[in-house]
């Protein structure tokens, strides 16, 4: 059994923790020999990250122009930025990894 105590909150920060923080905790727990991980957190609304919204719009625009080498480099940079800013994506990857759906 694991619980979050005052020291943990002091180290991590107050609630509402970003989803990538939940992903990191799941990764750490799944790297141990425990067999079951229970998590009673409801993710009812998507996280709001204004920067991610702009990156998504730029990626949509760049997708129209994929022939130039510079555009491909820009697309790679924007995709990496999108993955960095998307805490939902990080949590989804972590959950899949924990249940053995991906490596």
PDB file of N, CA and C in Angstrom:
ATOM      1  N   UNK A   1       0.855  -1.170   0.000  1.00  0.00           N
ATOM      2  CA  UNK A   1       0.000   0.000   0.000  1.00  0.00           C
ATOM      3  C   UNK A   1       0.899   1.231   0.000  1.00  0.00           C
ATOM      4  N   UNK A   2       0.579   2.176  -0.833  1.00  0.00           N
ATOM      5  CA  UNK A   2       1.333   3.417  -0.898  1.00  0.00           C
ATOM      6  C   UNK A   2       0.370   4.577  -0.738  1.00  0.00           C
ATOM      7  N   UNK A   3       0.766   5.570  -0.016  1.00  0.00           N
ATOM      8  CA  UNK A   3      -0.061   6.765   0.167  1.00  0.00           C
ATOM      9  C   UNK A   3       0.805   7.992  -0.039  1.00  0.00           C
ATOM     10  N   UNK A   4       0.169   9.065  -0.370  1.00  0.00           N
ATOM     11  CA  UNK A   4       0.868  10.337  -0.531  1.00  0.00           C
ATOM     12  C   UNK A   4       0.784  11.079   0.795  1.00  0.00           C
ATOM     13  N   UNK A   5       1.942  11.415   1.345  1.00  0.00           N
ATOM     14  CA  UNK A   5       1.984  12.108   2.635  1.00  0.00           C
ATOM     15  C   UNK A   5       2.405  13.564   2.445  1.00  0.00           C
ATOM     16  N   UNK A   6       2.517  14.285   3.545  1.00  0.00           N
ATOM     17  CA  UNK A   6       2.875  15.702   3.484  1.00  0.00           C
ATOM     18  C   UNK A   6       4.239  15.913   2.841  1.00  0.00           C
ATOM     19  N   UNK A   7       5.191  15.030   3.142  1.00  0.00           N
ATOM     20  CA  UNK A   7       6.523  15.155   2.548  1.00  0.00           C
ATOM     21  C   UNK A   7       6.462  14.984   1.036  1.00  0.00           C
ATOM     22  N   UNK A   8       5.650  14.036   0.566  1.00  0.00           N
ATOM     23  CA  UNK A   8       5.501  13.824  -0.876  1.00  0.00           C
ATOM     24  C   UNK A   8       4.925  15.067  -1.539  1.00  0.00           C
ATOM     25  N   UNK A   9       3.915  15.638  -0.922  1.00  0.00           N
ATOM     26  CA  UNK A   9       3.300  16.846  -1.469  1.00  0.00           C
ATOM     27  C   UNK A   9       4.309  17.992  -1.480  1.00  0.00           C
ATOM     28  N   UNK A  10       5.129  18.083  -0.447  1.00  0.00           N
ATOM     29  CA  UNK A  10       6.155  19.124  -0.403  1.00  0.00           C
ATOM     30  C   UNK A  10       7.162  18.945  -1.542  1.00  0.00           C
ATOM     31  N   UNK A  11       7.487  17.695  -1.878  1.00  0.00           N
ATOM     32  CA  UNK A  11       8.442  17.418  -2.948  1.00  0.00           C
ATOM     33  C   UNK A  11       7.838  17.589  -4.337  1.00  0.00           C
ATOM     34  N   UNK A  12       6.613  17.129  -4.513  1.00  0.00           N
ATOM     35  CA  UNK A  12       5.977  17.108  -5.830  1.00  0.00           C
ATOM     36  C   UNK A  12       5.224  18.406  -6.113  1.00  0.00           C
ATOM     37  N   UNK A  13       4.590  18.949  -5.115  1.00  0.00           N
ATOM     38  CA  UNK A  13       3.750  20.126  -5.301  1.00  0.00           C
ATOM     39  C   UNK A  13       2.311  19.779  -4.995  1.00  0.00           C
ATOM     40  N   UNK A  14       1.510  20.801  -4.864  1.00  0.00           N
ATOM     41  CA  UNK A  14       0.105  20.587  -4.506  1.00  0.00           C
ATOM     42  C   UNK A  14      -0.692  20.025  -5.670  1.00  0.00           C
ATOM     43  N   UNK A  15      -1.779  19.401  -5.312  1.00  0.00           N
ATOM     44  CA  UNK A  15      -2.720  18.848  -6.272  1.00  0.00           C
ATOM     45  C   UNK A  15      -3.290  19.993  -7.071  1.00  0.00           C
ATOM     46  N   UNK A  16      -3.429  19.900  -8.190  1.00  0.00           N
ATOM     47  CA  UNK A  16      -3.649  18.897  -9.191  1.00  0.00           C
ATOM     48  C   UNK A  16      -2.336  18.642  -9.918  1.00  0.00           C
ATOM     49  N   UNK A  17      -1.814  17.429  -9.819  1.00  0.00           N
ATOM     50  CA  UNK A  17      -0.546  17.104 -10.447  1.00  0.00           C
ATOM     51  C   UNK A  17      -0.757  16.907 -11.940  1.00  0.00           C
ATOM     52  N   UNK A  18       0.222  17.327 -12.741  1.00  0.00           N
ATOM     53  CA  UNK A  18       0.112  17.107 -14.183  1.00  0.00           C
ATOM     54  C   UNK A  18       0.151  15.614 -14.501  1.00  0.00           C
ATOM     55  N   UNK A  19      -0.412  15.264 -15.616  1.00  0.00           N
ATOM     56  CA  UNK A  19      -0.521  13.847 -15.974  1.00  0.00           C
ATOM     57  C   UNK A  19       0.827  13.195 -16.207  1.00  0.00           C
ATOM     58  N   UNK A  20       1.812  13.965 -16.629  1.00  0.00           N
ATOM     59  CA  UNK A  20       3.130  13.354 -16.779  1.00  0.00           C
ATOM     60  C   UNK A  20       3.728  12.980 -15.429  1.00  0.00           C
ATOM     61  N   UNK A  21       3.311  13.650 -14.350  1.00  0.00           N
ATOM     62  CA  UNK A  21       3.745  13.264 -13.003  1.00  0.00           C
ATOM     63  C   UNK A  21       3.126  11.901 -12.641  1.00  0.00           C
ATOM     64  N   UNK A  22       1.856  11.711 -12.979  1.00  0.00           N
ATOM     65  CA  UNK A  22       1.217  10.409 -12.764  1.00  0.00           C
ATOM     66  C   UNK A  22       1.932   9.335 -13.587  1.00  0.00           C
ATOM     67  N   UNK A  23       2.324   9.689 -14.806  1.00  0.00           N
ATOM     68  CA  UNK A  23       3.034   8.745 -15.668  1.00  0.00           C
ATOM     69  C   UNK A  23       4.352   8.326 -15.033  1.00  0.00           C
ATOM     70  N   UNK A  24       5.101   9.297 -14.473  1.00  0.00           N
ATOM     71  CA  UNK A  24       6.374   8.985 -13.827  1.00  0.00           C
ATOM     72  C   UNK A  24       6.166   8.061 -12.631  1.00  0.00           C
ATOM     73  N   UNK A  25       5.110   8.315 -11.844  1.00  0.00           N
ATOM     74  CA  UNK A  25       4.839   7.448 -10.688  1.00  0.00           C
ATOM     75  C   UNK A  25       4.500   6.036 -11.145  1.00  0.00           C
ATOM     76  N   UNK A  26       3.672   5.914 -12.200  1.00  0.00           N
ATOM     77  CA  UNK A  26       3.333   4.585 -12.713  1.00  0.00           C
ATOM     78  C   UNK A  26       4.574   3.854 -13.210  1.00  0.00           C
ATOM     79  N   UNK A  27       5.450   4.575 -13.899  1.00  0.00           N
ATOM     80  CA  UNK A  27       6.680   3.964 -14.396  1.00  0.00           C
ATOM     81  C   UNK A  27       7.535   3.446 -13.244  1.00  0.00           C
ATOM     82  N   UNK A  28       7.686   4.263 -12.205  1.00  0.00           N
ATOM     83  CA  UNK A  28       8.496   3.835 -11.057  1.00  0.00           C
ATOM     84  C   UNK A  28       7.879   2.626 -10.367  1.00  0.00           C
ATOM     85  N   UNK A  29       6.554   2.652 -10.180  1.00  0.00           N
ATOM     86  CA  UNK A  29       5.893   1.530  -9.526  1.00  0.00           C
ATOM     87  C   UNK A  29       5.984   0.261 -10.365  1.00  0.00           C
ATOM     88  N   UNK A  30       5.816   0.396 -11.676  1.00  0.00           N
ATOM     89  CA  UNK A  30       5.829  -0.798 -12.523  1.00  0.00           C
ATOM     90  C   UNK A  30       7.226  -1.381 -12.673  1.00  0.00           C
ATOM     91  N   UNK A  31       8.262  -0.599 -12.379  1.00  0.00           N
ATOM     92  CA  UNK A  31       9.624  -1.124 -12.466  1.00  0.00           C
ATOM     93  C   UNK A  31       9.972  -2.002 -11.261  1.00  0.00           C
ATOM     94  N   UNK A  32       9.130  -2.003 -10.250  1.00  0.00           N
ATOM     95  CA  UNK A  32       9.339  -2.865  -9.084  1.00  0.00           C
ATOM     96  C   UNK A  32       8.657  -4.208  -9.326  1.00  0.00           C
ATOM     97  N   UNK A  33       8.631  -5.030  -8.337  1.00  0.00           N
ATOM     98  CA  UNK A  33       8.053  -6.361  -8.483  1.00  0.00           C
ATOM     99  C   UNK A  33       6.582  -6.425  -8.052  1.00  0.00           C
ATOM    100  N   UNK A  34       5.916  -5.286  -7.934  1.00  0.00           N
ATOM    101  CA  UNK A  34       4.515  -5.318  -7.534  1.00  0.00           C
ATOM    102  C   UNK A  34       3.662  -5.868  -8.667  1.00  0.00           C
ATOM    103  N   UNK A  35       2.559  -6.485  -8.317  1.00  0.00           N
ATOM    104  CA  UNK A  35       1.718  -7.144  -9.305  1.00  0.00           C
ATOM    105  C   UNK A  35       0.498  -6.318  -9.693  1.00  0.00           C
ATOM    106  N   UNK A  36       0.042  -5.434  -8.810  1.00  0.00           N
ATOM    107  CA  UNK A  36      -1.172  -4.671  -9.080  1.00  0.00           C
ATOM    108  C   UNK A  36      -0.933  -3.203  -8.740  1.00  0.00           C
ATOM    109  N   UNK A  37      -1.374  -2.337  -9.618  1.00  0.00           N
ATOM    110  CA  UNK A  37      -1.341  -0.899  -9.353  1.00  0.00           C
ATOM    111  C   UNK A  37      -2.765  -0.391  -9.459  1.00  0.00           C
ATOM    112  N   UNK A  38      -3.257   0.177  -8.383  1.00  0.00           N
ATOM    113  CA  UNK A  38      -4.587   0.787  -8.399  1.00  0.00           C
ATOM    114  C   UNK A  38      -4.437   2.292  -8.341  1.00  0.00           C
ATOM    115  N   UNK A  39      -5.238   2.980  -9.097  1.00  0.00           N
ATOM    116  CA  UNK A  39      -5.130   4.435  -9.158  1.00  0.00           C
ATOM    117  C   UNK A  39      -6.539   5.010  -9.238  1.00  0.00           C
ATOM    118  N   UNK A  40      -6.939   5.716  -8.213  1.00  0.00           N
ATOM    119  CA  UNK A  40      -8.285   6.280  -8.190  1.00  0.00           C
ATOM    120  C   UNK A  40      -8.208   7.785  -8.421  1.00  0.00           C
ATOM    121  N   UNK A  41      -7.862   8.135  -9.640  1.00  0.00           N
ATOM    122  CA  UNK A  41      -7.815   9.536 -10.053  1.00  0.00           C
ATOM    123  C   UNK A  41      -8.661   9.655 -11.301  1.00  0.00           C
ATOM    124  N   UNK A  42      -9.550  10.614 -11.314  1.00  0.00           N
ATOM    125  CA  UNK A  42     -10.417  10.828 -12.466  1.00  0.00           C
ATOM    126  C   UNK A  42      -9.843  11.945 -13.331  1.00  0.00           C
ATOM    127  N   UNK A  43      -9.578  11.631 -14.584  1.00  0.00           N
ATOM    128  CA  UNK A  43      -9.101  12.620 -15.541  1.00  0.00           C
ATOM    129  C   UNK A  43     -10.299  12.999 -16.411  1.00  0.00           C
ATOM    130  N   UNK A  44     -11.142  13.873 -15.895  1.00  0.00           N
ATOM    131  CA  UNK A  44     -12.398  14.198 -16.551  1.00  0.00           C
ATOM    132  C   UNK A  44     -12.252  15.229 -17.660  1.00  0.00           C
ATOM    133  N   UNK A  45     -11.305  16.120 -17.530  1.00  0.00           N
ATOM    134  CA  UNK A  45     -11.131  17.162 -18.533  1.00  0.00           C
ATOM    135  C   UNK A  45      -9.708  17.116 -19.058  1.00  0.00           C
ATOM    136  N   UNK A  46      -9.535  17.466 -20.324  1.00  0.00           N
ATOM    137  CA  UNK A  46      -8.169  17.487 -20.855  1.00  0.00           C
ATOM    138  C   UNK A  46      -7.365  18.593 -20.194  1.00  0.00           C
ATOM    139  N   UNK A  47      -6.053  18.377 -20.054  1.00  0.00           N
ATOM    140  CA  UNK A  47      -5.225  19.434 -19.479  1.00  0.00           C
ATOM    141  C   UNK A  47      -5.171  20.624 -20.439  1.00  0.00           C
ATOM    142  N   UNK A  48      -5.087  21.804 -19.888  1.00  0.00           N
ATOM    143  CA  UNK A  48      -5.046  23.006 -20.711  1.00  0.00           C
ATOM    144  C   UNK A  48      -3.606  23.498 -20.779  1.00  0.00           C
ATOM    145  N   UNK A  49      -3.048  23.452 -21.961  1.00  0.00           N
ATOM    146  CA  UNK A  49      -1.709  23.953 -22.195  1.00  0.00           C
ATOM    147  C   UNK A  49      -1.780  24.807 -23.451  1.00  0.00           C
ATOM    148  N   UNK A  50      -1.822  26.120 -23.301  1.00  0.00           N
ATOM    149  CA  UNK A  50      -1.981  26.980 -24.477  1.00  0.00           C
ATOM    150  C   UNK A  50      -0.886  26.776 -25.518  1.00  0.00           C
ATOM    151  N   UNK A  51       0.329  26.476 -25.084  1.00  0.00           N
ATOM    152  CA  UNK A  51       1.412  26.237 -26.033  1.00  0.00           C
ATOM    153  C   UNK A  51       1.152  25.034 -26.919  1.00  0.00           C
ATOM    154  N   UNK A  52       0.571  23.979 -26.358  1.00  0.00           N
ATOM    155  CA  UNK A  52       0.270  22.780 -27.134  1.00  0.00           C
ATOM    156  C   UNK A  52      -0.747  23.082 -28.223  1.00  0.00           C
ATOM    157  N   UNK A  53      -1.725  23.917 -27.923  1.00  0.00           N
ATOM    158  CA  UNK A  53      -2.717  24.287 -28.932  1.00  0.00           C
ATOM    159  C   UNK A  53      -2.075  24.949 -30.136  1.00  0.00           C
ATOM    160  N   UNK A  54      -1.126  25.849 -29.893  1.00  0.00           N
ATOM    161  CA  UNK A  54      -0.426  26.512 -30.991  1.00  0.00           C
ATOM    162  C   UNK A  54       0.432  25.533 -31.778  1.00  0.00           C
ATOM    163  N   UNK A  55       1.121  24.644 -31.064  1.00  0.00           N
ATOM    164  CA  UNK A  55       1.946  23.639 -31.744  1.00  0.00           C
ATOM    165  C   UNK A  55       1.075  22.764 -32.641  1.00  0.00           C
ATOM    166  N   UNK A  56      -0.090  22.352 -32.154  1.00  0.00           N
ATOM    167  CA  UNK A  56      -0.987  21.527 -32.968  1.00  0.00           C
ATOM    168  C   UNK A  56      -1.427  22.263 -34.228  1.00  0.00           C
ATOM    169  N   UNK A  57      -1.736  23.557 -34.112  1.00  0.00           N
ATOM    170  CA  UNK A  57      -2.136  24.349 -35.287  1.00  0.00           C
ATOM    171  C   UNK A  57      -0.985  24.460 -36.287  1.00  0.00           C
ATOM    172  N   UNK A  58       0.220  24.693 -35.783  1.00  0.00           N
ATOM    173  CA  UNK A  58       1.380  24.809 -36.674  1.00  0.00           C
ATOM    174  C   UNK A  58       1.658  23.478 -37.357  1.00  0.00           C
ATOM    175  N   UNK A  59       1.544  22.378 -36.621  1.00  0.00           N
ATOM    176  CA  UNK A  59       1.759  21.054 -37.227  1.00  0.00           C
ATOM    177  C   UNK A  59       0.757  20.787 -38.336  1.00  0.00           C
ATOM    178  N   UNK A  60      -0.483  21.183 -38.131  1.00  0.00           N
ATOM    179  CA  UNK A  60      -1.503  21.014 -39.171  1.00  0.00           C
ATOM    180  C   UNK A  60      -1.119  21.809 -40.410  1.00  0.00           C
ATOM    181  N   UNK A  61      -0.649  23.026 -40.227  1.00  0.00           N
ATOM    182  CA  UNK A  61      -0.225  23.871 -41.343  1.00  0.00           C
ATOM    183  C   UNK A  61       0.977  23.271 -42.057  1.00  0.00           C
ATOM    184  N   UNK A  62       1.980  22.830 -41.281  1.00  0.00           N
ATOM    185  CA  UNK A  62       3.205  22.280 -41.853  1.00  0.00           C
ATOM    186  C   UNK A  62       2.921  20.990 -42.617  1.00  0.00           C
ATOM    187  N   UNK A  63       1.924  20.235 -42.175  1.00  0.00           N
ATOM    188  CA  UNK A  63       1.587  18.972 -42.843  1.00  0.00           C
ATOM    189  C   UNK A  63       1.207  19.178 -44.306  1.00  0.00           C
ATOM    190  N   UNK A  64       0.767  20.380 -44.649  1.00  0.00           N
ATOM    191  CA  UNK A  64       0.390  20.675 -46.037  1.00  0.00           C
ATOM    192  C   UNK A  64       1.615  20.815 -46.944  1.00  0.00           C
ATOM    193  N   UNK A  65       2.787  21.039 -46.360  1.00  0.00           N
ATOM    194  CA  UNK A  65       4.003  21.305 -47.122  1.00  0.00           C
ATOM    195  C   UNK A  65       5.108  20.356 -46.681  1.00  0.00           C
ATOM    196  N   UNK A  66       5.083  19.152 -47.207  1.00  0.00           N
ATOM    197  CA  UNK A  66       6.046  18.144 -46.752  1.00  0.00           C
ATOM    198  C   UNK A  66       7.159  17.871 -47.751  1.00  0.00           C
ATOM    199  N   UNK A  67       7.284  18.663 -48.809  1.00  0.00           N
ATOM    200  CA  UNK A  67       8.288  18.352 -49.825  1.00  0.00           C
ATOM    201  C   UNK A  67       9.660  18.928 -49.510  1.00  0.00           C
ATOM    202  N   UNK A  68       9.742  20.078 -48.864  1.00  0.00           N
ATOM    203  CA  UNK A  68      11.034  20.725 -48.611  1.00  0.00           C
ATOM    204  C   UNK A  68      11.737  20.102 -47.407  1.00  0.00           C
ATOM    205  N   UNK A  69      13.056  20.014 -47.506  1.00  0.00           N
ATOM    206  CA  UNK A  69      13.863  19.448 -46.420  1.00  0.00           C
ATOM    207  C   UNK A  69      13.693  20.246 -45.127  1.00  0.00           C
ATOM    208  N   UNK A  70      13.676  21.565 -45.227  1.00  0.00           N
ATOM    209  CA  UNK A  70      13.515  22.415 -44.053  1.00  0.00           C
ATOM    210  C   UNK A  70      12.174  22.167 -43.379  1.00  0.00           C
ATOM    211  N   UNK A  71      11.163  21.932 -44.184  1.00  0.00           N
ATOM    212  CA  UNK A  71       9.831  21.677 -43.641  1.00  0.00           C
ATOM    213  C   UNK A  71       9.821  20.368 -42.867  1.00  0.00           C
ATOM    214  N   UNK A  72      10.543  19.377 -43.350  1.00  0.00           N
ATOM    215  CA  UNK A  72      10.619  18.101 -42.634  1.00  0.00           C
ATOM    216  C   UNK A  72      11.332  18.276 -41.302  1.00  0.00           C
ATOM    217  N   UNK A  73      12.362  19.104 -41.278  1.00  0.00           N
ATOM    218  CA  UNK A  73      13.062  19.376 -40.021  1.00  0.00           C
ATOM    219  C   UNK A  73      12.145  20.110 -39.047  1.00  0.00           C
ATOM    220  N   UNK A  74      11.418  21.096 -39.576  1.00  0.00           N
ATOM    221  CA  UNK A  74      10.483  21.836 -38.734  1.00  0.00           C
ATOM    222  C   UNK A  74       9.406  20.910 -38.190  1.00  0.00           C
ATOM    223  N   UNK A  75       8.918  20.014 -39.030  1.00  0.00           N
ATOM    224  CA  UNK A  75       7.903  19.055 -38.590  1.00  0.00           C
ATOM    225  C   UNK A  75       8.443  18.174 -37.469  1.00  0.00           C
ATOM    226  N   UNK A  76       9.685  17.730 -37.573  1.00  0.00           N
ATOM    227  CA  UNK A  76      10.290  16.899 -36.530  1.00  0.00           C
ATOM    228  C   UNK A  76      10.411  17.669 -35.221  1.00  0.00           C
ATOM    229  N   UNK A  77      10.832  18.938 -35.319  1.00  0.00           N
ATOM    230  CA  UNK A  77      10.963  19.753 -34.107  1.00  0.00           C
ATOM    231  C   UNK A  77       9.601  19.995 -33.456  1.00  0.00           C
ATOM    232  N   UNK A  78       8.605  20.282 -34.273  1.00  0.00           N
ATOM    233  CA  UNK A  78       7.267  20.548 -33.730  1.00  0.00           C
ATOM    234  C   UNK A  78       6.652  19.288 -33.133  1.00  0.00           C
ATOM    235  N   UNK A  79       6.879  18.151 -33.767  1.00  0.00           N
ATOM    236  CA  UNK A  79       6.352  16.896 -33.235  1.00  0.00           C
ATOM    237  C   UNK A  79       6.992  16.584 -31.883  1.00  0.00           C
ATOM    238  N   UNK A  80       8.291  16.804 -31.763  1.00  0.00           N
ATOM    239  CA  UNK A  80       8.972  16.589 -30.483  1.00  0.00           C
ATOM    240  C   UNK A  80       8.428  17.537 -29.423  1.00  0.00           C
ATOM    241  N   UNK A  81       8.183  18.783 -29.800  1.00  0.00           N
ATOM    242  CA  UNK A  81       7.615  19.753 -28.867  1.00  0.00           C
ATOM    243  C   UNK A  81       6.210  19.344 -28.455  1.00  0.00           C
ATOM    244  N   UNK A  82       5.429  18.880 -29.414  1.00  0.00           N
ATOM    245  CA  UNK A  82       4.062  18.428 -29.132  1.00  0.00           C
ATOM    246  C   UNK A  82       4.078  17.295 -28.115  1.00  0.00           C
ATOM    247  N   UNK A  83       4.965  16.331 -28.292  1.00  0.00           N
ATOM    248  CA  UNK A  83       5.054  15.206 -27.359  1.00  0.00           C
ATOM    249  C   UNK A  83       5.504  15.669 -25.977  1.00  0.00           C
ATOM    250  N   UNK A  84       6.391  16.654 -25.930  1.00  0.00           N
ATOM    251  CA  UNK A  84       6.865  17.181 -24.650  1.00  0.00           C
ATOM    252  C   UNK A  84       5.741  17.879 -23.894  1.00  0.00           C
ATOM    253  N   UNK A  85       4.904  18.621 -24.606  1.00  0.00           N
ATOM    254  CA  UNK A  85       3.848  19.398 -23.960  1.00  0.00           C
ATOM    255  C   UNK A  85       2.591  18.584 -23.655  1.00  0.00           C
ATOM    256  N   UNK A  86       2.425  17.443 -24.304  1.00  0.00           N
ATOM    257  CA  UNK A  86       1.205  16.658 -24.133  1.00  0.00           C
ATOM    258  C   UNK A  86       1.340  15.686 -22.964  1.00  0.00           C
ATOM    259  N   UNK A  87       0.872  16.112 -21.792  1.00  0.00           N
ATOM    260  CA  UNK A  87       0.943  15.238 -20.626  1.00  0.00           C
ATOM    261  C   UNK A  87      -0.021  14.064 -20.762  1.00  0.00           C
ATOM    262  N   UNK A  88      -1.107  14.236 -21.523  1.00  0.00           N
ATOM    263  CA  UNK A  88      -2.010  13.115 -21.788  1.00  0.00           C
ATOM    264  C   UNK A  88      -1.285  12.003 -22.533  1.00  0.00           C
ATOM    265  N   UNK A  89      -0.496  12.373 -23.519  1.00  0.00           N
ATOM    266  CA  UNK A  89       0.243  11.373 -24.296  1.00  0.00           C
ATOM    267  C   UNK A  89       1.234  10.624 -23.412  1.00  0.00           C
ATOM    268  N   UNK A  90       1.923  11.352 -22.527  1.00  0.00           N
ATOM    269  CA  UNK A  90       2.882  10.703 -21.625  1.00  0.00           C
ATOM    270  C   UNK A  90       2.188   9.714 -20.697  1.00  0.00           C
ATOM    271  N   UNK A  91       1.033  10.107 -20.178  1.00  0.00           N
ATOM    272  CA  UNK A  91       0.288   9.214 -19.289  1.00  0.00           C
ATOM    273  C   UNK A  91      -0.197   7.990 -20.049  1.00  0.00           C
ATOM    274  N   UNK A  92      -0.681   8.175 -21.272  1.00  0.00           N
ATOM    275  CA  UNK A  92      -1.164   7.045 -22.072  1.00  0.00           C
ATOM    276  C   UNK A  92      -0.042   6.052 -22.362  1.00  0.00           C
ATOM    277  N   UNK A  93       1.132   6.543 -22.722  1.00  0.00           N
ATOM    278  CA  UNK A  93       2.277   5.661 -22.984  1.00  0.00           C
ATOM    279  C   UNK A  93       2.652   4.898 -21.729  1.00  0.00           C
ATOM    280  N   UNK A  94       2.662   5.589 -20.596  1.00  0.00           N
ATOM    281  CA  UNK A  94       3.026   4.952 -19.334  1.00  0.00           C
ATOM    282  C   UNK A  94       2.033   3.853 -18.963  1.00  0.00           C
ATOM    283  N   UNK A  95       0.761   4.124 -19.105  1.00  0.00           N
ATOM    284  CA  UNK A  95      -0.260   3.120 -18.781  1.00  0.00           C
ATOM    285  C   UNK A  95      -0.119   1.911 -19.699  1.00  0.00           C
ATOM    286  N   UNK A  96       0.068   2.145 -20.995  1.00  0.00           N
ATOM    287  CA  UNK A  96       0.241   1.023 -21.938  1.00  0.00           C
ATOM    288  C   UNK A  96       1.455   0.186 -21.570  1.00  0.00           C
ATOM    289  N   UNK A  97       2.535   0.855 -21.208  1.00  0.00           N
ATOM    290  CA  UNK A  97       3.758   0.146 -20.832  1.00  0.00           C
ATOM    291  C   UNK A  97       3.536  -0.684 -19.564  1.00  0.00           C
ATOM    292  N   UNK A  98       2.809  -0.099 -18.607  1.00  0.00           N
ATOM    293  CA  UNK A  98       2.579  -0.791 -17.334  1.00  0.00           C
ATOM    294  C   UNK A  98       1.721  -2.043 -17.497  1.00  0.00           C
ATOM    295  N   UNK A  99       0.820  -2.033 -18.467  1.00  0.00           N
ATOM    296  CA  UNK A  99      -0.024  -3.213 -18.654  1.00  0.00           C
ATOM    297  C   UNK A  99       0.517  -4.127 -19.752  1.00  0.00           C
ATOM    298  N   UNK A 100       1.704  -3.792 -20.265  1.00  0.00           N
ATOM    299  CA  UNK A 100       2.351  -4.676 -21.221  1.00  0.00           C
ATOM    300  C   UNK A 100       1.888  -4.533 -22.647  1.00  0.00           C
ATOM    301  N   UNK A 101       1.300  -3.392 -23.025  1.00  0.00           N
ATOM    302  CA  UNK A 101       0.835  -3.217 -24.387  1.00  0.00           C
ATOM    303  C   UNK A 101       1.894  -2.640 -25.311  1.00  0.00           C
ATOM    304  N   UNK A 102       2.931  -2.037 -24.750  1.00  0.00           N
ATOM    305  CA  UNK A 102       4.021  -1.508 -25.564  1.00  0.00           C
ATOM    306  C   UNK A 102       5.294  -1.515 -24.760  1.00  0.00           C
ATOM    307  N   UNK A 103       6.411  -1.312 -25.458  1.00  0.00           N
ATOM    308  CA  UNK A 103       7.701  -1.312 -24.752  1.00  0.00           C
ATOM    309  C   UNK A 103       8.262   0.067 -24.643  1.00  0.00           C
TER     310      UNK A 103
END
